[in-house]
């Protein structure tokens, strides 16, 4: 008896969203709520800035 397929799919989706949020987001996620202001303020980018560099993602 292994891991159910839907559980694995959900975990893969969560991991993918986490990698996007830490490595590539430049205001895209908060732009849903804040609009164009999110691309200027970069809240998530600033929150995960040091983690990005530690993981090897360039961000500037």
PDB file of N, CA and C in Angstrom:
ATOM      1  N   UNK A   1       0.858  -1.181   0.000  1.00  0.00           N
ATOM      2  CA  UNK A   1       0.000   0.000   0.000  1.00  0.00           C
ATOM      3  C   UNK A   1       0.898   1.237   0.000  1.00  0.00           C
ATOM      4  N   UNK A   2       0.781   2.038  -1.025  1.00  0.00           N
ATOM      5  CA  UNK A   2       1.626   3.215  -1.165  1.00  0.00           C
ATOM      6  C   UNK A   2       0.878   4.496  -0.855  1.00  0.00           C
ATOM      7  N   UNK A   3       1.491   5.560  -1.229  1.00  0.00           N
ATOM      8  CA  UNK A   3       0.893   6.883  -1.039  1.00  0.00           C
ATOM      9  C   UNK A   3      -0.201   7.076  -2.088  1.00  0.00           C
ATOM     10  N   UNK A   4      -1.373   7.563  -1.690  1.00  0.00           N
ATOM     11  CA  UNK A   4      -2.434   7.809  -2.674  1.00  0.00           C
ATOM     12  C   UNK A   4      -1.990   8.839  -3.713  1.00  0.00           C
ATOM     13  N   UNK A   5      -2.399   8.642  -4.940  1.00  0.00           N
ATOM     14  CA  UNK A   5      -1.993   9.503  -6.041  1.00  0.00           C
ATOM     15  C   UNK A   5      -2.410  10.951  -5.822  1.00  0.00           C
ATOM     16  N   UNK A   6      -3.625  11.180  -5.309  1.00  0.00           N
ATOM     17  CA  UNK A   6      -4.064  12.566  -5.095  1.00  0.00           C
ATOM     18  C   UNK A   6      -3.247  13.253  -4.016  1.00  0.00           C
ATOM     19  N   UNK A   7      -2.795  12.525  -3.005  1.00  0.00           N
ATOM     20  CA  UNK A   7      -1.972  13.114  -1.957  1.00  0.00           C
ATOM     21  C   UNK A   7      -0.610  13.521  -2.524  1.00  0.00           C
ATOM     22  N   UNK A   8      -0.039  12.696  -3.366  1.00  0.00           N
ATOM     23  CA  UNK A   8       1.241  13.027  -3.997  1.00  0.00           C
ATOM     24  C   UNK A   8       1.092  14.238  -4.911  1.00  0.00           C
ATOM     25  N   UNK A   9      -0.011  14.310  -5.643  1.00  0.00           N
ATOM     26  CA  UNK A   9      -0.248  15.447  -6.534  1.00  0.00           C
ATOM     27  C   UNK A   9      -0.396  16.739  -5.746  1.00  0.00           C
ATOM     28  N   UNK A  10      -1.084  16.696  -4.629  1.00  0.00           N
ATOM     29  CA  UNK A  10      -1.248  17.886  -3.785  1.00  0.00           C
ATOM     30  C   UNK A  10       0.103  18.327  -3.222  1.00  0.00           C
ATOM     31  N   UNK A  11       0.902  17.388  -2.763  1.00  0.00           N
ATOM     32  CA  UNK A  11       2.225  17.733  -2.220  1.00  0.00           C
ATOM     33  C   UNK A  11       3.142  18.316  -3.300  1.00  0.00           C
ATOM     34  N   UNK A  12       3.081  17.785  -4.495  1.00  0.00           N
ATOM     35  CA  UNK A  12       3.888  18.318  -5.602  1.00  0.00           C
ATOM     36  C   UNK A  12       3.439  19.732  -5.944  1.00  0.00           C
ATOM     37  N   UNK A  13       2.141  19.992  -5.932  1.00  0.00           N
ATOM     38  CA  UNK A  13       1.629  21.335  -6.219  1.00  0.00           C
ATOM     39  C   UNK A  13       2.062  22.325  -5.140  1.00  0.00           C
ATOM     40  N   UNK A  14       2.012  21.927  -3.880  1.00  0.00           N
ATOM     41  CA  UNK A  14       2.442  22.797  -2.789  1.00  0.00           C
ATOM     42  C   UNK A  14       3.931  23.083  -2.889  1.00  0.00           C
ATOM     43  N   UNK A  15       4.725  22.071  -3.208  1.00  0.00           N
ATOM     44  CA  UNK A  15       6.168  22.266  -3.367  1.00  0.00           C
ATOM     45  C   UNK A  15       6.460  23.201  -4.540  1.00  0.00           C
ATOM     46  N   UNK A  16       5.748  23.035  -5.633  1.00  0.00           N
ATOM     47  CA  UNK A  16       5.938  23.916  -6.791  1.00  0.00           C
ATOM     48  C   UNK A  16       5.607  25.365  -6.472  1.00  0.00           C
ATOM     49  N   UNK A  17       4.513  25.579  -5.740  1.00  0.00           N
ATOM     50  CA  UNK A  17       4.146  26.945  -5.358  1.00  0.00           C
ATOM     51  C   UNK A  17       5.178  27.535  -4.407  1.00  0.00           C
ATOM     52  N   UNK A  18       5.713  26.719  -3.513  1.00  0.00           N
ATOM     53  CA  UNK A  18       6.740  27.205  -2.590  1.00  0.00           C
ATOM     54  C   UNK A  18       8.014  27.590  -3.318  1.00  0.00           C
ATOM     55  N   UNK A  19       8.425  26.780  -4.276  1.00  0.00           N
ATOM     56  CA  UNK A  19       9.625  27.111  -5.054  1.00  0.00           C
ATOM     57  C   UNK A  19       9.406  28.392  -5.846  1.00  0.00           C
ATOM     58  N   UNK A  20       8.213  28.556  -6.419  1.00  0.00           N
ATOM     59  CA  UNK A  20       7.914  29.795  -7.140  1.00  0.00           C
ATOM     60  C   UNK A  20       7.949  30.988  -6.204  1.00  0.00           C
ATOM     61  N   UNK A  21       7.320  30.866  -5.032  1.00  0.00           N
ATOM     62  CA  UNK A  21       7.253  31.993  -4.097  1.00  0.00           C
ATOM     63  C   UNK A  21       8.634  32.395  -3.608  1.00  0.00           C
ATOM     64  N   UNK A  22       9.484  31.432  -3.324  1.00  0.00           N
ATOM     65  CA  UNK A  22      10.813  31.747  -2.814  1.00  0.00           C
ATOM     66  C   UNK A  22      11.759  32.153  -3.930  1.00  0.00           C
ATOM     67  N   UNK A  23      11.695  31.484  -5.049  1.00  0.00           N
ATOM     68  CA  UNK A  23      12.707  31.694  -6.068  1.00  0.00           C
ATOM     69  C   UNK A  23      12.395  32.684  -7.161  1.00  0.00           C
ATOM     70  N   UNK A  24      11.133  32.852  -7.493  1.00  0.00           N
ATOM     71  CA  UNK A  24      10.837  33.615  -8.707  1.00  0.00           C
ATOM     72  C   UNK A  24       9.850  34.763  -8.535  1.00  0.00           C
ATOM     73  N   UNK A  25       9.111  34.812  -7.436  1.00  0.00           N
ATOM     74  CA  UNK A  25       8.075  35.828  -7.297  1.00  0.00           C
ATOM     75  C   UNK A  25       8.675  37.226  -7.194  1.00  0.00           C
ATOM     76  N   UNK A  26       8.170  38.124  -8.007  1.00  0.00           N
ATOM     77  CA  UNK A  26       8.592  39.527  -7.991  1.00  0.00           C
ATOM     78  C   UNK A  26       7.356  40.414  -7.835  1.00  0.00           C
ATOM     79  N   UNK A  27       6.448  40.018  -6.953  1.00  0.00           N
ATOM     80  CA  UNK A  27       5.224  40.763  -6.742  1.00  0.00           C
ATOM     81  C   UNK A  27       4.003  40.123  -7.359  1.00  0.00           C
ATOM     82  N   UNK A  28       4.180  39.008  -8.051  1.00  0.00           N
ATOM     83  CA  UNK A  28       3.070  38.385  -8.767  1.00  0.00           C
ATOM     84  C   UNK A  28       1.971  37.874  -7.839  1.00  0.00           C
ATOM     85  N   UNK A  29       2.333  37.254  -6.735  1.00  0.00           N
ATOM     86  CA  UNK A  29       1.312  36.675  -5.859  1.00  0.00           C
ATOM     87  C   UNK A  29       0.489  37.754  -5.167  1.00  0.00           C
ATOM     88  N   UNK A  30       1.135  38.805  -4.663  1.00  0.00           N
ATOM     89  CA  UNK A  30       0.401  39.873  -3.991  1.00  0.00           C
ATOM     90  C   UNK A  30      -0.295  40.807  -4.972  1.00  0.00           C
ATOM     91  N   UNK A  31       0.042  40.747  -6.259  1.00  0.00           N
ATOM     92  CA  UNK A  31      -0.622  41.617  -7.228  1.00  0.00           C
ATOM     93  C   UNK A  31      -2.091  41.255  -7.388  1.00  0.00           C
ATOM     94  N   UNK A  32      -2.459  40.046  -7.003  1.00  0.00           N
ATOM     95  CA  UNK A  32      -3.857  39.634  -7.046  1.00  0.00           C
ATOM     96  C   UNK A  32      -4.685  40.522  -6.111  1.00  0.00           C
ATOM     97  N   UNK A  33      -4.097  40.881  -4.970  1.00  0.00           N
ATOM     98  CA  UNK A  33      -4.799  41.687  -3.976  1.00  0.00           C
ATOM     99  C   UNK A  33      -4.443  43.168  -4.099  1.00  0.00           C
ATOM    100  N   UNK A  34      -3.151  43.481  -4.272  1.00  0.00           N
ATOM    101  CA  UNK A  34      -2.692  44.867  -4.228  1.00  0.00           C
ATOM    102  C   UNK A  34      -2.600  45.549  -5.584  1.00  0.00           C
ATOM    103  N   UNK A  35      -2.717  44.806  -6.661  1.00  0.00           N
ATOM    104  CA  UNK A  35      -2.608  45.388  -7.996  1.00  0.00           C
ATOM    105  C   UNK A  35      -1.161  45.739  -8.341  1.00  0.00           C
ATOM    106  N   UNK A  36      -0.977  46.790  -9.113  1.00  0.00           N
ATOM    107  CA  UNK A  36       0.350  47.177  -9.594  1.00  0.00           C
ATOM    108  C   UNK A  36       1.290  47.602  -8.467  1.00  0.00           C
ATOM    109  N   UNK A  37       0.754  48.015  -7.334  1.00  0.00           N
ATOM    110  CA  UNK A  37       1.581  48.425  -6.193  1.00  0.00           C
ATOM    111  C   UNK A  37       2.460  47.277  -5.702  1.00  0.00           C
ATOM    112  N   UNK A  38       2.008  46.039  -5.840  1.00  0.00           N
ATOM    113  CA  UNK A  38       2.766  44.877  -5.382  1.00  0.00           C
ATOM    114  C   UNK A  38       4.080  44.728  -6.134  1.00  0.00           C
ATOM    115  N   UNK A  39       4.120  45.119  -7.411  1.00  0.00           N
ATOM    116  CA  UNK A  39       5.355  45.012  -8.191  1.00  0.00           C
ATOM    117  C   UNK A  39       6.385  46.044  -7.738  1.00  0.00           C
ATOM    118  N   UNK A  40       5.936  47.087  -7.085  1.00  0.00           N
ATOM    119  CA  UNK A  40       6.853  48.113  -6.570  1.00  0.00           C
ATOM    120  C   UNK A  40       7.323  47.778  -5.157  1.00  0.00           C
ATOM    121  N   UNK A  41       6.417  47.302  -4.303  1.00  0.00           N
ATOM    122  CA  UNK A  41       6.746  47.061  -2.895  1.00  0.00           C
ATOM    123  C   UNK A  41       7.498  45.753  -2.660  1.00  0.00           C
ATOM    124  N   UNK A  42       7.198  44.710  -3.407  1.00  0.00           N
ATOM    125  CA  UNK A  42       7.890  43.409  -3.333  1.00  0.00           C
ATOM    126  C   UNK A  42       7.975  42.844  -1.912  1.00  0.00           C
ATOM    127  N   UNK A  43       6.831  42.757  -1.238  1.00  0.00           N
ATOM    128  CA  UNK A  43       6.817  42.265   0.136  1.00  0.00           C
ATOM    129  C   UNK A  43       7.377  40.853   0.260  1.00  0.00           C
ATOM    130  N   UNK A  44       6.922  39.950  -0.558  1.00  0.00           N
ATOM    131  CA  UNK A  44       7.372  38.561  -0.475  1.00  0.00           C
ATOM    132  C   UNK A  44       8.839  38.442  -0.851  1.00  0.00           C
ATOM    133  N   UNK A  45       9.278  39.216  -1.824  1.00  0.00           N
ATOM    134  CA  UNK A  45      10.684  39.210  -2.229  1.00  0.00           C
ATOM    135  C   UNK A  45      11.575  39.628  -1.064  1.00  0.00           C
ATOM    136  N   UNK A  46      11.201  40.686  -0.385  1.00  0.00           N
ATOM    137  CA  UNK A  46      12.008  41.160   0.742  1.00  0.00           C
ATOM    138  C   UNK A  46      11.978  40.175   1.901  1.00  0.00           C
ATOM    139  N   UNK A  47      10.854  39.505   2.099  1.00  0.00           N
ATOM    140  CA  UNK A  47      10.738  38.532   3.184  1.00  0.00           C
ATOM    141  C   UNK A  47      11.646  37.324   2.941  1.00  0.00           C
ATOM    142  N   UNK A  48      11.779  36.906   1.689  1.00  0.00           N
ATOM    143  CA  UNK A  48      12.545  35.701   1.375  1.00  0.00           C
ATOM    144  C   UNK A  48      13.892  36.021   0.721  1.00  0.00           C
ATOM    145  N   UNK A  49      14.342  37.262   0.787  1.00  0.00           N
ATOM    146  CA  UNK A  49      15.535  37.700   0.069  1.00  0.00           C
ATOM    147  C   UNK A  49      16.788  36.873   0.411  1.00  0.00           C
ATOM    148  N   UNK A  50      17.096  36.758   1.681  1.00  0.00           N
ATOM    149  CA  UNK A  50      18.297  36.018   2.075  1.00  0.00           C
ATOM    150  C   UNK A  50      18.167  34.527   1.781  1.00  0.00           C
ATOM    151  N   UNK A  51      16.954  33.991   1.906  1.00  0.00           N
ATOM    152  CA  UNK A  51      16.728  32.584   1.601  1.00  0.00           C
ATOM    153  C   UNK A  51      16.960  32.328   0.110  1.00  0.00           C
ATOM    154  N   UNK A  52      16.604  33.299  -0.737  1.00  0.00           N
ATOM    155  CA  UNK A  52      16.848  33.158  -2.175  1.00  0.00           C
ATOM    156  C   UNK A  52      18.330  33.000  -2.462  1.00  0.00           C
ATOM    157  N   UNK A  53      19.138  33.860  -1.867  1.00  0.00           N
ATOM    158  CA  UNK A  53      20.572  33.782  -2.108  1.00  0.00           C
ATOM    159  C   UNK A  53      21.172  32.490  -1.546  1.00  0.00           C
ATOM    160  N   UNK A  54      20.704  32.061  -0.398  1.00  0.00           N
ATOM    161  CA  UNK A  54      21.212  30.828   0.204  1.00  0.00           C
ATOM    162  C   UNK A  54      20.857  29.616  -0.670  1.00  0.00           C
ATOM    163  N   UNK A  55      19.704  29.681  -1.334  1.00  0.00           N
ATOM    164  CA  UNK A  55      19.274  28.571  -2.189  1.00  0.00           C
ATOM    165  C   UNK A  55      19.864  28.660  -3.593  1.00  0.00           C
ATOM    166  N   UNK A  56      20.562  29.751  -3.893  1.00  0.00           N
ATOM    167  CA  UNK A  56      21.210  29.885  -5.200  1.00  0.00           C
ATOM    168  C   UNK A  56      20.388  30.586  -6.255  1.00  0.00           C
ATOM    169  N   UNK A  57      19.268  31.199  -5.883  1.00  0.00           N
ATOM    170  CA  UNK A  57      18.457  31.949  -6.840  1.00  0.00           C
ATOM    171  C   UNK A  57      18.985  33.383  -6.933  1.00  0.00           C
ATOM    172  N   UNK A  58      19.322  33.851  -8.131  1.00  0.00           N
ATOM    173  CA  UNK A  58      19.694  35.255  -8.246  1.00  0.00           C
ATOM    174  C   UNK A  58      18.429  36.118  -8.245  1.00  0.00           C
ATOM    175  N   UNK A  59      18.503  37.283  -7.649  1.00  0.00           N
ATOM    176  CA  UNK A  59      17.311  38.130  -7.643  1.00  0.00           C
ATOM    177  C   UNK A  59      17.629  39.579  -7.954  1.00  0.00           C
ATOM    178  N   UNK A  60      18.878  39.927  -8.108  1.00  0.00           N
ATOM    179  CA  UNK A  60      19.225  41.289  -8.541  1.00  0.00           C
ATOM    180  C   UNK A  60      20.614  41.310  -9.082  1.00  0.00           C
TER     181      UNK A  60
END
